[in-house]
N, C-alpha and C. Protein backbone atom coordinates (compact mmCIF):
# COMPACT_ATOMS: atom_id res chain seq x y z
N MET A 1 0.83 -1.52 -0.19
CA MET A 1 -0.09 0.04 0.12
C MET A 1 1.03 1.05 0.00
N PRO A 2 0.82 2.29 -1.13
CA PRO A 2 2.07 3.39 -0.60
C PRO A 2 1.42 4.19 -0.23
N HIS A 3 2.48 4.85 0.41
CA HIS A 3 1.98 5.85 1.54
C HIS A 3 3.28 6.88 1.26
N LEU A 4 2.24 8.18 1.12
CA LEU A 4 2.86 9.69 0.68
C LEU A 4 3.22 10.05 2.20
N VAL A 5 4.65 10.68 2.39
CA VAL A 5 5.13 11.66 3.30
C VAL A 5 5.04 12.71 2.50
N LEU A 6 4.84 14.04 3.26
CA LEU A 6 4.57 15.18 3.08
C LEU A 6 6.13 15.81 3.52
N ILE A 7 7.03 16.31 3.38
CA ILE A 7 8.16 16.97 4.33
C ILE A 7 8.54 18.21 3.94
N GLY A 8 8.76 19.16 4.68
CA GLY A 8 9.05 20.76 4.40
C GLY A 8 8.21 21.46 5.16
N ASP A 9 8.24 22.58 4.55
CA ASP A 9 7.59 23.56 5.68
C ASP A 9 5.93 24.12 5.54
N SER A 10 5.55 25.42 5.35
CA SER A 10 4.06 25.65 5.42
C SER A 10 3.33 25.78 3.86
N VAL A 11 4.15 25.41 3.35
CA VAL A 11 3.38 25.19 2.47
C VAL A 11 2.83 23.76 2.04
N PHE A 12 2.95 22.89 2.71
CA PHE A 12 2.43 21.48 2.95
C PHE A 12 1.51 21.49 4.22
N ASP A 13 2.18 22.29 5.47
CA ASP A 13 1.54 22.91 6.76
C ASP A 13 0.93 23.57 6.96
N ASN A 14 -0.05 24.01 6.01
CA ASN A 14 -0.93 24.99 6.17
C ASN A 14 -2.34 24.92 6.59
N GLY A 15 -2.61 24.27 7.20
CA GLY A 15 -3.39 24.29 8.18
C GLY A 15 -4.14 25.31 8.95
N ALA A 16 -3.32 26.13 9.64
CA ALA A 16 -3.39 26.78 10.72
C ALA A 16 -4.35 28.48 9.39
N TYR A 17 -3.56 28.29 8.34
CA TYR A 17 -4.07 29.22 7.16
C TYR A 17 -4.96 29.38 6.67
N THR A 18 -6.20 28.40 6.74
CA THR A 18 -6.98 28.22 5.50
C THR A 18 -8.27 28.28 6.04
N SER A 19 -8.29 29.26 7.37
CA SER A 19 -9.96 29.96 7.51
C SER A 19 -10.73 28.20 8.04
N GLY A 20 -10.54 27.24 7.80
CA GLY A 20 -11.50 26.51 8.43
C GLY A 20 -11.55 25.57 7.31
N GLY A 21 -10.91 25.85 5.81
CA GLY A 21 -10.70 25.04 4.71
C GLY A 21 -10.13 24.29 4.96
N PRO A 22 -10.25 23.05 4.17
CA PRO A 22 -9.27 22.09 3.81
C PRO A 22 -7.56 22.55 3.48
N SER A 23 -6.40 21.42 4.63
CA SER A 23 -5.20 21.98 4.29
C SER A 23 -4.75 20.83 3.25
N VAL A 24 -3.66 21.66 2.92
CA VAL A 24 -3.06 20.52 2.14
C VAL A 24 -2.89 18.93 1.88
N ILE A 25 -2.84 18.52 3.33
CA ILE A 25 -2.70 17.23 3.45
C ILE A 25 -4.03 16.61 3.14
N GLN A 26 -5.18 17.09 3.84
CA GLN A 26 -6.22 16.94 3.63
C GLN A 26 -6.69 16.58 1.71
N GLN A 27 -6.45 17.57 0.90
CA GLN A 27 -6.42 17.88 -0.43
C GLN A 27 -5.71 16.59 -1.07
N VAL A 28 -4.47 16.46 -0.76
CA VAL A 28 -3.41 15.76 -0.78
C VAL A 28 -4.55 13.92 -0.65
N THR A 29 -4.70 13.69 0.44
CA THR A 29 -5.26 12.17 0.50
C THR A 29 -6.42 12.20 0.05
N SER A 30 -7.17 13.03 -0.47
CA SER A 30 -8.67 12.75 -1.55
C SER A 30 -7.99 12.96 -3.05
N SER A 31 -6.78 13.24 -2.81
CA SER A 31 -6.59 13.16 -4.89
C SER A 31 -5.40 12.12 -5.07
N LEU A 32 -5.35 11.28 -3.74
CA LEU A 32 -4.79 10.23 -4.56
C LEU A 32 -5.58 9.20 -4.50
N PRO A 33 -4.74 8.14 -5.69
CA PRO A 33 -5.88 6.74 -6.18
C PRO A 33 -6.08 6.26 -4.55
N GLN A 34 -7.52 5.37 -5.26
CA GLN A 34 -7.80 4.22 -3.91
C GLN A 34 -6.45 3.26 -3.45
N GLY A 35 -6.27 3.34 -2.48
CA GLY A 35 -5.27 2.65 -1.88
C GLY A 35 -4.58 3.11 -1.03
N TRP A 36 -4.30 4.57 -1.49
CA TRP A 36 -2.96 5.37 -0.84
C TRP A 36 -3.14 5.80 0.29
N SER A 37 -2.09 6.11 0.77
CA SER A 37 -2.55 6.89 2.03
C SER A 37 -0.94 7.91 2.10
N ALA A 38 -1.70 8.74 3.08
CA ALA A 38 -0.58 10.27 3.17
C ALA A 38 -0.51 10.82 4.29
N SER A 39 0.54 11.27 4.81
CA SER A 39 0.91 12.07 6.01
C SER A 39 1.54 12.99 5.95
N LEU A 40 1.78 13.58 6.96
CA LEU A 40 2.07 15.10 7.05
C LEU A 40 3.22 15.21 8.09
N ARG A 41 4.42 14.97 7.42
CA ARG A 41 6.03 15.62 8.66
C ARG A 41 6.38 16.88 8.27
N ALA A 42 5.71 17.77 7.74
CA ALA A 42 6.09 18.89 7.02
C ALA A 42 5.62 19.80 8.30
N VAL A 43 6.67 20.95 8.65
CA VAL A 43 6.14 21.67 10.11
C VAL A 43 6.39 23.21 9.70
N ASP A 44 5.46 23.65 10.16
CA ASP A 44 5.35 25.27 9.53
C ASP A 44 6.68 26.29 10.15
N GLY A 45 7.48 26.80 9.21
CA GLY A 45 8.72 27.58 9.74
C GLY A 45 9.95 27.17 9.45
N SER A 46 9.65 25.68 9.03
CA SER A 46 11.18 24.90 9.13
C SER A 46 11.53 25.11 7.80
N THR A 47 13.18 25.05 7.67
CA THR A 47 14.30 25.91 6.84
C THR A 47 14.95 24.13 6.44
N THR A 48 16.13 24.60 5.48
CA THR A 48 16.33 23.07 4.95
C THR A 48 17.11 22.35 6.38
N GLU A 49 17.48 23.79 7.30
CA GLU A 49 18.11 22.44 8.61
C GLU A 49 17.34 21.51 9.48
N ASP A 50 16.07 21.95 9.19
CA ASP A 50 14.83 21.42 9.95
C ASP A 50 14.69 20.09 9.50
N ILE A 51 15.22 19.56 8.42
CA ILE A 51 14.42 18.31 7.28
C ILE A 51 14.80 17.02 8.38
N ASP A 52 16.06 17.30 8.93
CA ASP A 52 16.57 16.06 9.43
C ASP A 52 15.47 15.42 10.46
N ALA A 53 15.08 16.14 10.99
CA ALA A 53 13.92 15.43 12.48
C ALA A 53 12.84 15.11 12.11
N GLN A 54 12.51 15.77 10.59
CA GLN A 54 11.49 15.21 10.21
C GLN A 54 11.49 13.97 9.22
N LEU A 55 12.39 13.93 8.97
CA LEU A 55 13.26 12.07 8.35
C LEU A 55 12.92 11.26 9.49
N ALA A 56 13.58 11.55 10.39
CA ALA A 56 13.89 10.70 12.00
C ALA A 56 12.57 10.18 12.09
N ALA A 57 11.31 10.99 11.99
CA ALA A 57 9.53 10.80 12.23
C ALA A 57 9.13 10.10 11.16
N LEU A 58 9.43 9.90 9.87
CA LEU A 58 8.98 8.97 9.29
C LEU A 58 8.22 7.79 9.59
N PRO A 59 6.80 7.59 9.18
CA PRO A 59 6.29 6.22 9.37
C PRO A 59 6.68 5.33 9.16
N GLU A 60 6.92 4.17 9.41
CA GLU A 60 7.69 3.40 9.06
C GLU A 60 6.94 2.30 7.74
N ASP A 61 6.37 2.54 7.15
CA ASP A 61 5.74 2.29 6.14
C ASP A 61 5.61 3.16 4.66
N ALA A 62 6.08 4.37 4.65
CA ALA A 62 6.43 5.62 3.69
C ALA A 62 6.94 4.63 2.91
N SER A 63 6.57 5.09 1.62
CA SER A 63 6.97 4.79 0.63
C SER A 63 7.49 5.70 -0.97
N HIS A 64 6.67 7.01 -0.51
CA HIS A 64 7.03 8.35 -1.07
C HIS A 64 7.58 9.35 -0.29
N LEU A 65 8.20 10.34 -0.54
CA LEU A 65 8.42 11.46 0.01
C LEU A 65 8.52 12.91 -0.88
N VAL A 66 7.60 13.74 -0.70
CA VAL A 66 7.63 15.11 -1.63
C VAL A 66 7.92 16.23 -0.56
N LEU A 67 8.99 16.86 -1.34
CA LEU A 67 9.75 17.98 -0.35
C LEU A 67 9.44 19.32 -0.93
N SER A 68 9.28 20.32 0.17
CA SER A 68 8.74 21.65 -0.35
C SER A 68 9.94 22.60 0.89
N VAL A 69 10.75 23.11 0.43
CA VAL A 69 11.65 23.51 1.29
C VAL A 69 12.44 24.68 0.83
N GLY A 70 12.71 25.65 1.67
CA GLY A 70 13.20 26.71 0.73
C GLY A 70 13.13 28.56 1.07
N GLY A 71 11.67 28.31 1.08
CA GLY A 71 11.46 29.64 1.36
C GLY A 71 11.84 30.00 2.42
N ASN A 72 11.76 29.74 4.00
CA ASN A 72 12.07 30.11 5.36
C ASN A 72 13.86 30.31 4.98
N ASN A 73 14.18 29.67 4.41
CA ASN A 73 15.54 30.43 4.21
C ASN A 73 16.00 31.54 3.12
N ALA A 74 14.78 31.56 2.25
CA ALA A 74 15.14 33.15 1.45
C ALA A 74 14.39 33.94 2.25
N LEU A 75 13.42 33.69 3.32
CA LEU A 75 13.02 34.89 3.79
C LEU A 75 14.34 35.38 5.03
N LEU A 76 14.79 34.69 5.64
CA LEU A 76 16.23 34.55 6.60
C LEU A 76 17.17 35.75 6.04
N ARG A 77 17.19 35.41 4.43
CA ARG A 77 18.17 36.70 3.73
C ARG A 77 17.51 37.77 2.82
N ALA A 78 16.11 37.81 3.50
CA ALA A 78 15.42 39.05 2.73
C ALA A 78 15.89 40.67 3.07
N ASP A 79 17.22 40.29 3.87
CA ASP A 79 18.12 41.40 4.39
C ASP A 79 18.61 41.69 2.92
N VAL A 80 18.96 41.00 1.73
CA VAL A 80 19.60 41.21 0.61
C VAL A 80 19.02 42.07 0.19
N LEU A 81 17.11 42.42 -0.37
CA LEU A 81 16.50 43.11 -0.73
C LEU A 81 16.67 44.55 -0.40
N GLN A 82 17.05 44.71 0.75
CA GLN A 82 16.96 46.35 1.36
C GLN A 82 18.65 46.86 1.46
N ALA A 83 19.48 45.90 1.31
CA ALA A 83 20.80 46.15 1.97
C ALA A 83 21.27 47.50 0.79
N PRO A 84 22.08 48.58 1.39
CA PRO A 84 22.33 49.59 0.58
C PRO A 84 23.63 48.99 -0.31
N VAL A 85 23.57 49.23 -1.31
CA VAL A 85 24.81 49.59 -2.16
C VAL A 85 25.17 50.26 -3.84
N ALA A 86 26.19 50.73 -4.01
CA ALA A 86 26.91 51.65 -4.94
C ALA A 86 26.11 51.08 -6.22
N THR A 87 26.52 49.86 -6.97
CA THR A 87 25.82 49.67 -8.15
C THR A 87 25.22 48.33 -7.97
N SER A 88 24.70 48.15 -9.39
CA SER A 88 23.44 46.81 -9.47
C SER A 88 24.50 45.81 -9.36
N GLY A 89 25.80 45.56 -9.48
CA GLY A 89 26.54 44.53 -9.50
C GLY A 89 26.87 44.04 -8.18
N GLU A 90 27.27 45.02 -7.31
CA GLU A 90 27.08 44.68 -6.09
C GLU A 90 25.76 43.80 -5.18
N ALA A 91 24.28 44.29 -6.08
CA ALA A 91 23.38 43.82 -5.27
C ALA A 91 23.61 42.18 -5.55
N LEU A 92 23.85 42.29 -7.39
CA LEU A 92 24.22 40.60 -7.68
C LEU A 92 25.02 39.63 -6.90
N LEU A 93 25.91 40.24 -6.43
CA LEU A 93 26.82 40.18 -5.56
C LEU A 93 26.35 39.17 -4.10
N LEU A 94 25.96 40.16 -3.60
CA LEU A 94 25.16 39.39 -2.19
C LEU A 94 23.93 38.41 -2.47
N LEU A 95 23.47 38.61 -3.68
CA LEU A 95 22.53 37.48 -4.09
C LEU A 95 23.06 36.44 -4.17
N SER A 96 24.27 36.56 -5.21
CA SER A 96 25.14 35.38 -5.37
C SER A 96 25.66 34.67 -4.31
N LYS A 97 26.08 35.17 -3.13
CA LYS A 97 26.95 34.92 -1.88
C LYS A 97 25.75 34.33 -1.12
N ALA A 98 24.14 35.05 -1.12
CA ALA A 98 22.92 33.87 -0.26
C ALA A 98 22.45 32.74 -1.29
N ALA A 99 22.70 32.64 -2.34
CA ALA A 99 22.09 31.39 -3.18
C ALA A 99 23.54 30.54 -2.87
N ASP A 100 24.85 30.62 -2.78
CA ASP A 100 26.17 29.65 -3.17
C ASP A 100 25.55 29.36 -1.34
N ASP A 101 24.96 30.15 -0.08
CA ASP A 101 25.15 29.24 1.25
C ASP A 101 23.71 28.35 0.96
N PHE A 102 22.44 29.09 0.27
CA PHE A 102 21.63 27.84 0.42
C PHE A 102 22.11 26.76 -0.38
N GLU A 103 22.93 26.55 -1.59
CA GLU A 103 23.10 25.51 -1.73
C GLU A 103 23.57 24.35 -1.29
N VAL A 104 24.36 24.91 -0.72
CA VAL A 104 25.45 23.99 0.57
C VAL A 104 24.35 23.53 1.35
N SER A 105 23.69 23.74 1.73
CA SER A 105 22.68 23.78 2.78
C SER A 105 21.76 22.46 2.37
N TYR A 106 21.20 22.93 1.05
CA TYR A 106 20.10 22.24 0.15
C TYR A 106 20.92 20.87 -0.28
N ARG A 107 22.15 20.86 -0.78
CA ARG A 107 22.78 19.87 -0.88
C ARG A 107 22.84 18.92 0.26
N ARG A 108 23.21 19.26 1.36
CA ARG A 108 23.52 18.74 2.40
C ARG A 108 21.56 17.84 2.92
N MET A 109 20.84 18.69 2.92
CA MET A 109 19.62 18.11 3.42
C MET A 109 18.98 17.12 1.96
N LEU A 110 19.18 17.06 0.74
CA LEU A 110 18.17 16.33 -0.31
C LEU A 110 19.52 15.19 0.01
N GLY A 111 20.68 15.39 0.09
CA GLY A 111 21.60 13.69 0.62
C GLY A 111 21.14 12.96 1.53
N GLN A 112 20.52 13.78 2.24
CA GLN A 112 20.21 13.17 3.63
C GLN A 112 18.53 12.31 3.39
N CYS A 113 17.99 12.92 2.52
CA CYS A 113 16.87 12.41 2.06
C CYS A 113 16.53 10.98 1.37
N LEU A 114 17.70 11.49 0.07
CA LEU A 114 18.10 10.34 -0.58
C LEU A 114 18.48 9.04 -0.15
N LYS A 115 19.10 9.41 1.37
CA LYS A 115 19.85 7.95 2.42
C LYS A 115 18.62 7.13 2.55
N VAL A 116 17.08 8.30 2.68
CA VAL A 116 16.30 7.01 3.18
C VAL A 116 15.63 5.96 1.92
N ASP A 117 16.12 6.50 0.82
CA ASP A 117 16.25 5.20 -0.47
C ASP A 117 14.64 4.94 -0.82
N LEU A 118 13.86 6.24 -0.57
CA LEU A 118 12.81 6.24 -1.28
C LEU A 118 12.76 6.87 -2.75
N PRO A 119 11.57 6.87 -3.28
CA PRO A 119 11.35 7.95 -4.13
C PRO A 119 11.12 9.14 -4.01
N VAL A 120 11.76 10.59 -4.53
CA VAL A 120 12.21 11.70 -4.01
C VAL A 120 11.24 12.64 -5.01
N VAL A 121 10.13 13.33 -4.76
CA VAL A 121 9.63 14.73 -5.43
C VAL A 121 10.07 16.20 -4.56
N THR A 122 10.44 17.11 -5.48
CA THR A 122 10.64 18.19 -4.84
C THR A 122 9.73 19.54 -5.55
N CYS A 123 9.83 20.28 -4.67
CA CYS A 123 9.45 21.76 -5.44
C CYS A 123 9.97 22.80 -5.05
N THR A 124 10.10 23.83 -6.00
CA THR A 124 10.59 25.29 -6.35
C THR A 124 9.82 25.84 -5.48
N VAL A 125 10.15 26.92 -5.02
CA VAL A 125 9.69 28.07 -3.82
C VAL A 125 8.87 29.10 -4.67
N TYR A 126 7.25 29.17 -4.23
CA TYR A 126 6.76 30.42 -5.15
C TYR A 126 6.99 31.48 -5.19
N HIS A 127 6.15 32.42 -5.79
CA HIS A 127 6.34 33.88 -5.53
C HIS A 127 6.05 34.36 -4.63
N GLY A 128 4.88 33.78 -3.87
CA GLY A 128 4.46 34.87 -2.84
C GLY A 128 3.39 35.77 -3.30
N ASN A 129 2.73 36.38 -2.25
CA ASN A 129 1.67 37.12 -2.85
C ASN A 129 1.72 38.36 -2.05
N PHE A 130 3.28 39.43 -2.16
CA PHE A 130 2.83 40.42 -1.56
C PHE A 130 1.99 42.14 -2.26
N ALA A 131 1.92 42.63 -1.30
CA ALA A 131 0.76 43.95 -1.61
C ALA A 131 1.40 44.32 -2.51
N GLU A 132 2.75 44.93 -2.10
CA GLU A 132 3.55 46.01 -3.01
C GLU A 132 3.86 45.47 -4.11
N PRO A 133 3.83 46.16 -5.65
CA PRO A 133 4.32 45.24 -6.56
C PRO A 133 5.67 45.55 -7.21
N SER A 134 6.20 46.54 -6.51
CA SER A 134 7.75 46.81 -6.47
C SER A 134 8.31 45.65 -5.39
N TYR A 135 7.78 45.31 -4.39
CA TYR A 135 8.40 44.41 -3.64
C TYR A 135 8.45 42.97 -4.06
N GLN A 136 7.20 42.79 -4.87
CA GLN A 136 6.65 41.69 -5.56
C GLN A 136 7.61 40.81 -6.67
N ALA A 137 7.68 41.67 -7.48
CA ALA A 137 8.83 41.59 -8.53
C ALA A 137 10.16 41.62 -7.83
N CYS A 138 10.73 42.31 -6.86
CA CYS A 138 12.35 42.20 -6.26
C CYS A 138 12.12 40.66 -5.90
N VAL A 139 11.18 40.18 -5.31
CA VAL A 139 11.04 38.37 -4.60
C VAL A 139 11.20 37.78 -5.99
N ALA A 140 10.28 37.84 -6.86
CA ALA A 140 10.28 37.52 -7.91
C ALA A 140 11.76 36.81 -8.50
N VAL A 141 12.41 38.04 -8.42
CA VAL A 141 13.50 37.80 -9.59
C VAL A 141 15.01 37.05 -8.41
N ALA A 142 14.97 37.31 -6.82
CA ALA A 142 15.74 36.95 -6.15
C ALA A 142 15.59 35.62 -6.02
N LEU A 143 14.04 35.01 -5.95
CA LEU A 143 14.19 33.56 -5.90
C LEU A 143 14.38 33.19 -7.13
N CYS A 144 14.93 33.66 -8.02
CA CYS A 144 15.23 32.40 -9.10
C CYS A 144 16.59 32.00 -8.99
N ALA A 145 17.33 32.78 -8.23
CA ALA A 145 18.74 32.45 -7.71
C ALA A 145 18.89 31.05 -7.11
N PHE A 146 17.35 31.12 -5.82
CA PHE A 146 17.50 30.06 -5.02
C PHE A 146 16.53 28.83 -5.63
N ASN A 147 15.69 29.15 -6.54
CA ASN A 147 14.90 28.36 -7.33
C ASN A 147 16.11 27.38 -8.28
N ASP A 148 16.98 27.96 -8.94
CA ASP A 148 18.30 27.92 -10.04
C ASP A 148 18.87 26.23 -9.18
N VAL A 149 19.26 26.67 -7.65
CA VAL A 149 19.39 25.80 -6.99
C VAL A 149 18.72 24.27 -6.97
N ILE A 150 17.08 24.94 -6.44
CA ILE A 150 16.57 22.98 -6.53
C ILE A 150 16.25 23.12 -7.41
N ILE A 151 16.40 22.95 -8.74
CA ILE A 151 16.14 22.33 -10.10
C ILE A 151 17.54 21.92 -10.83
N ARG A 152 18.73 22.26 -10.25
CA ARG A 152 20.08 22.12 -10.87
C ARG A 152 20.40 20.74 -9.80
N VAL A 153 20.24 21.11 -8.52
CA VAL A 153 20.57 20.39 -7.38
C VAL A 153 19.57 18.63 -7.76
N ALA A 154 18.11 18.77 -8.02
CA ALA A 154 17.14 17.62 -8.00
C ALA A 154 17.81 17.01 -9.28
N ALA A 155 18.21 18.02 -10.83
CA ALA A 155 18.32 17.79 -11.57
C ALA A 155 19.62 16.16 -11.45
N GLU A 156 20.46 16.72 -11.00
CA GLU A 156 21.39 16.01 -10.51
C GLU A 156 21.04 14.55 -10.05
N HIS A 157 19.92 14.47 -9.46
CA HIS A 157 19.41 13.16 -9.29
C HIS A 157 18.49 12.40 -10.10
N GLY A 158 18.23 13.13 -10.98
CA GLY A 158 17.15 12.62 -11.86
C GLY A 158 15.83 12.76 -10.80
N LEU A 159 15.40 13.41 -10.01
CA LEU A 159 14.24 13.97 -9.60
C LEU A 159 12.87 14.60 -10.32
N LYS A 160 11.91 14.32 -9.91
CA LYS A 160 10.85 15.39 -10.63
C LYS A 160 10.78 16.08 -9.51
N VAL A 161 10.36 17.58 -10.18
CA VAL A 161 10.27 19.23 -9.67
C VAL A 161 9.06 19.09 -9.83
N ILE A 162 8.17 19.84 -8.71
CA ILE A 162 6.83 20.52 -8.97
C ILE A 162 7.21 21.93 -8.80
N ASP A 163 6.92 22.64 -10.14
CA ASP A 163 6.69 24.13 -10.23
C ASP A 163 6.07 24.99 -9.25
N LEU A 164 6.14 25.33 -8.06
CA LEU A 164 4.82 26.24 -7.85
C LEU A 164 4.53 27.33 -8.37
N ARG A 165 6.00 27.68 -8.99
CA ARG A 165 5.55 29.02 -9.29
C ARG A 165 4.28 29.16 -10.44
N ARG A 166 4.44 28.28 -11.16
CA ARG A 166 3.50 27.46 -12.37
C ARG A 166 1.98 27.76 -11.61
N ILE A 167 2.19 26.92 -10.36
CA ILE A 167 0.54 26.56 -10.00
C ILE A 167 0.20 27.20 -8.96
N CYS A 168 1.02 28.54 -8.53
CA CYS A 168 0.34 29.16 -7.14
C CYS A 168 0.99 30.33 -8.44
N SER A 169 -0.42 30.95 -8.73
CA SER A 169 0.23 32.09 -9.95
C SER A 169 -1.03 33.03 -9.66
N GLN A 170 -1.71 33.02 -8.72
CA GLN A 170 -3.03 33.54 -8.74
C GLN A 170 -3.01 34.45 -7.40
N ARG A 171 -3.38 35.47 -6.94
CA ARG A 171 -3.77 35.89 -5.42
C ARG A 171 -4.98 35.46 -4.53
N SER A 172 -5.37 34.33 -5.41
CA SER A 172 -6.57 33.35 -4.55
C SER A 172 -5.85 32.05 -3.95
N ASP A 173 -4.63 32.27 -4.68
CA ASP A 173 -3.80 30.88 -4.38
C ASP A 173 -3.46 30.72 -3.13
N TYR A 174 -3.20 32.35 -2.29
CA TYR A 174 -2.58 32.29 -0.94
C TYR A 174 -3.59 32.73 -0.24
N ALA A 175 -3.11 32.38 1.02
CA ALA A 175 -4.28 32.93 2.36
C ALA A 175 -3.64 33.75 3.19
N ASN A 176 -1.88 33.84 2.59
CA ASN A 176 -1.32 35.62 2.97
C ASN A 176 -0.32 36.12 2.30
N PRO A 177 1.04 36.56 2.46
CA PRO A 177 2.27 36.87 1.56
C PRO A 177 2.59 35.37 1.39
N ILE A 178 2.90 34.13 2.46
CA ILE A 178 3.53 33.27 1.58
C ILE A 178 2.87 31.85 2.22
N GLU A 179 1.77 31.77 2.51
CA GLU A 179 1.39 30.67 2.67
C GLU A 179 0.06 30.11 1.93
N PRO A 180 -0.32 28.74 1.50
CA PRO A 180 -1.31 28.85 0.19
C PRO A 180 -2.72 28.97 1.15
N SER A 181 -3.73 29.00 -0.04
CA SER A 181 -4.71 28.77 0.48
C SER A 181 -5.42 27.51 0.46
N SER A 182 -6.78 27.10 0.49
CA SER A 182 -7.01 25.78 0.44
C SER A 182 -7.75 25.89 -1.58
N LEU A 183 -7.76 26.71 -2.14
CA LEU A 183 -7.59 27.20 -3.38
C LEU A 183 -6.61 26.78 -4.19
N GLY A 184 -5.15 27.07 -3.31
CA GLY A 184 -3.52 27.22 -3.81
C GLY A 184 -3.53 25.79 -3.60
N GLY A 185 -3.35 25.53 -2.15
CA GLY A 185 -3.84 24.01 -2.02
C GLY A 185 -4.20 23.22 -2.90
N GLN A 186 -5.55 23.05 -3.10
CA GLN A 186 -6.02 21.85 -3.81
C GLN A 186 -5.17 21.71 -5.40
N LYS A 187 -4.27 23.27 -5.95
CA LYS A 187 -3.76 22.95 -7.26
C LYS A 187 -2.39 22.19 -6.98
N ILE A 188 -2.00 22.04 -5.39
CA ILE A 188 -0.76 21.52 -5.14
C ILE A 188 -0.70 19.98 -4.62
N ALA A 189 -1.96 20.05 -4.46
CA ALA A 189 -2.32 18.67 -4.10
C ALA A 189 -2.44 18.13 -5.51
N SER A 190 -3.11 18.46 -6.38
CA SER A 190 -3.36 18.02 -7.92
C SER A 190 -2.33 17.52 -8.56
N ALA A 191 -1.06 18.39 -7.93
CA ALA A 191 -0.10 18.26 -8.94
C ALA A 191 0.87 17.17 -8.09
N ILE A 192 1.11 17.41 -6.83
CA ILE A 192 1.63 16.34 -6.06
C ILE A 192 0.83 14.99 -6.28
N ALA A 193 0.05 14.73 -6.66
CA ALA A 193 -0.93 13.31 -7.23
C ALA A 193 -0.40 12.59 -8.18
N LEU A 194 -0.20 13.87 -9.41
CA LEU A 194 0.29 13.31 -10.57
C LEU A 194 1.73 13.05 -10.25
N ALA A 195 2.84 13.74 -10.14
CA ALA A 195 3.82 13.40 -9.80
C ALA A 195 4.43 11.97 -8.92
N VAL A 196 3.47 11.82 -8.12
CA VAL A 196 4.05 10.19 -7.68
C VAL A 196 3.48 9.00 -8.19
N THR A 197 2.44 9.76 -9.40
CA THR A 197 1.54 7.92 -9.42
C THR A 197 1.42 8.03 -10.96
N GLU A 198 2.23 9.13 -12.00
CA GLU A 198 2.70 8.89 -13.56
C GLU A 198 4.04 8.88 -13.79
N ALA A 199 4.40 8.08 -14.46
CA ALA A 199 5.65 7.71 -15.00
C ALA A 199 6.32 8.54 -15.34
N THR A 200 5.67 9.79 -16.27
CA THR A 200 6.21 11.18 -17.39
C THR A 200 5.11 11.99 -16.87
N PRO A 201 5.60 13.15 -16.67
CA PRO A 201 5.28 14.54 -16.88
C PRO A 201 4.17 14.81 -17.82
N PRO A 202 2.66 15.31 -17.28
CA PRO A 202 2.06 16.00 -18.49
C PRO A 202 2.69 16.62 -18.76
N LEU A 203 1.64 17.46 -20.38
CA LEU A 203 2.36 18.05 -21.54
C LEU A 203 1.96 19.68 -20.90
N ARG A 204 1.15 19.24 -19.96
CA ARG A 204 0.30 20.37 -19.55
C ARG A 204 1.70 21.37 -18.55
N GLY A 205 2.72 20.67 -17.94
CA GLY A 205 3.73 21.51 -16.93
C GLY A 205 3.29 21.49 -15.74
N ALA A 206 2.43 21.07 -15.43
CA ALA A 206 2.63 21.12 -14.04
C ALA A 206 3.94 20.74 -13.41
N TYR A 207 4.21 19.98 -13.68
CA TYR A 207 5.68 19.49 -13.43
C TYR A 207 6.42 19.22 -14.44
N VAL A 208 7.68 19.40 -14.26
CA VAL A 208 8.79 18.71 -14.94
C VAL A 208 9.84 17.52 -14.70
N VAL A 209 10.30 16.44 -15.09
CA VAL A 209 10.99 15.72 -14.79
C VAL A 209 12.81 16.32 -15.09
N ALA A 210 13.40 16.85 -13.86
CA ALA A 210 14.60 17.43 -14.40
C ALA A 210 15.78 16.34 -14.25
N ALA A 211 16.01 15.60 -15.22
CA ALA A 211 17.08 14.52 -15.32
C ALA A 211 18.03 14.95 -16.72
């Protein structure tokens, strides 16, 4: 009996933000084929450094892992968007350093996930839903550096990547600037169900195989 486990952050652990609506884990459970089960080990606020503890708490019968982490790592480096610089080149160097640090942490974390020896699907970091258009634009550009890390490292291991930027693309997909609403959660759940049950990605691009 396949048993899917969600690990990561509030992209999956969003029950506190849905105003009584269904959470991602509930939506994943209802989206999976008959005979599948799903469990939540993701914890709101987690970074790459917190995934080891989630892996240690996996159910014994876990058969698939889906990972969404990195958004909180990026939030911890939001200072880069406000740092005073003399040139745009200096700004890019600050972003490059933040992405390099993230890559070290992400590689170590994903290595621990792969040691569990289960199929792993990972996710990019979506752009969020910030009220100020100029800040939203800066966030989207900065996250390209973090998402490049996720996609490249996943590609090295032939992992499927769910591109949450494509999935949560409307304001209604968010309960606040950084957590998914029930509407966005259903889109995420549908992509997860496709990613773990289909051998190849659909042409509509809900997710890609980075191999």
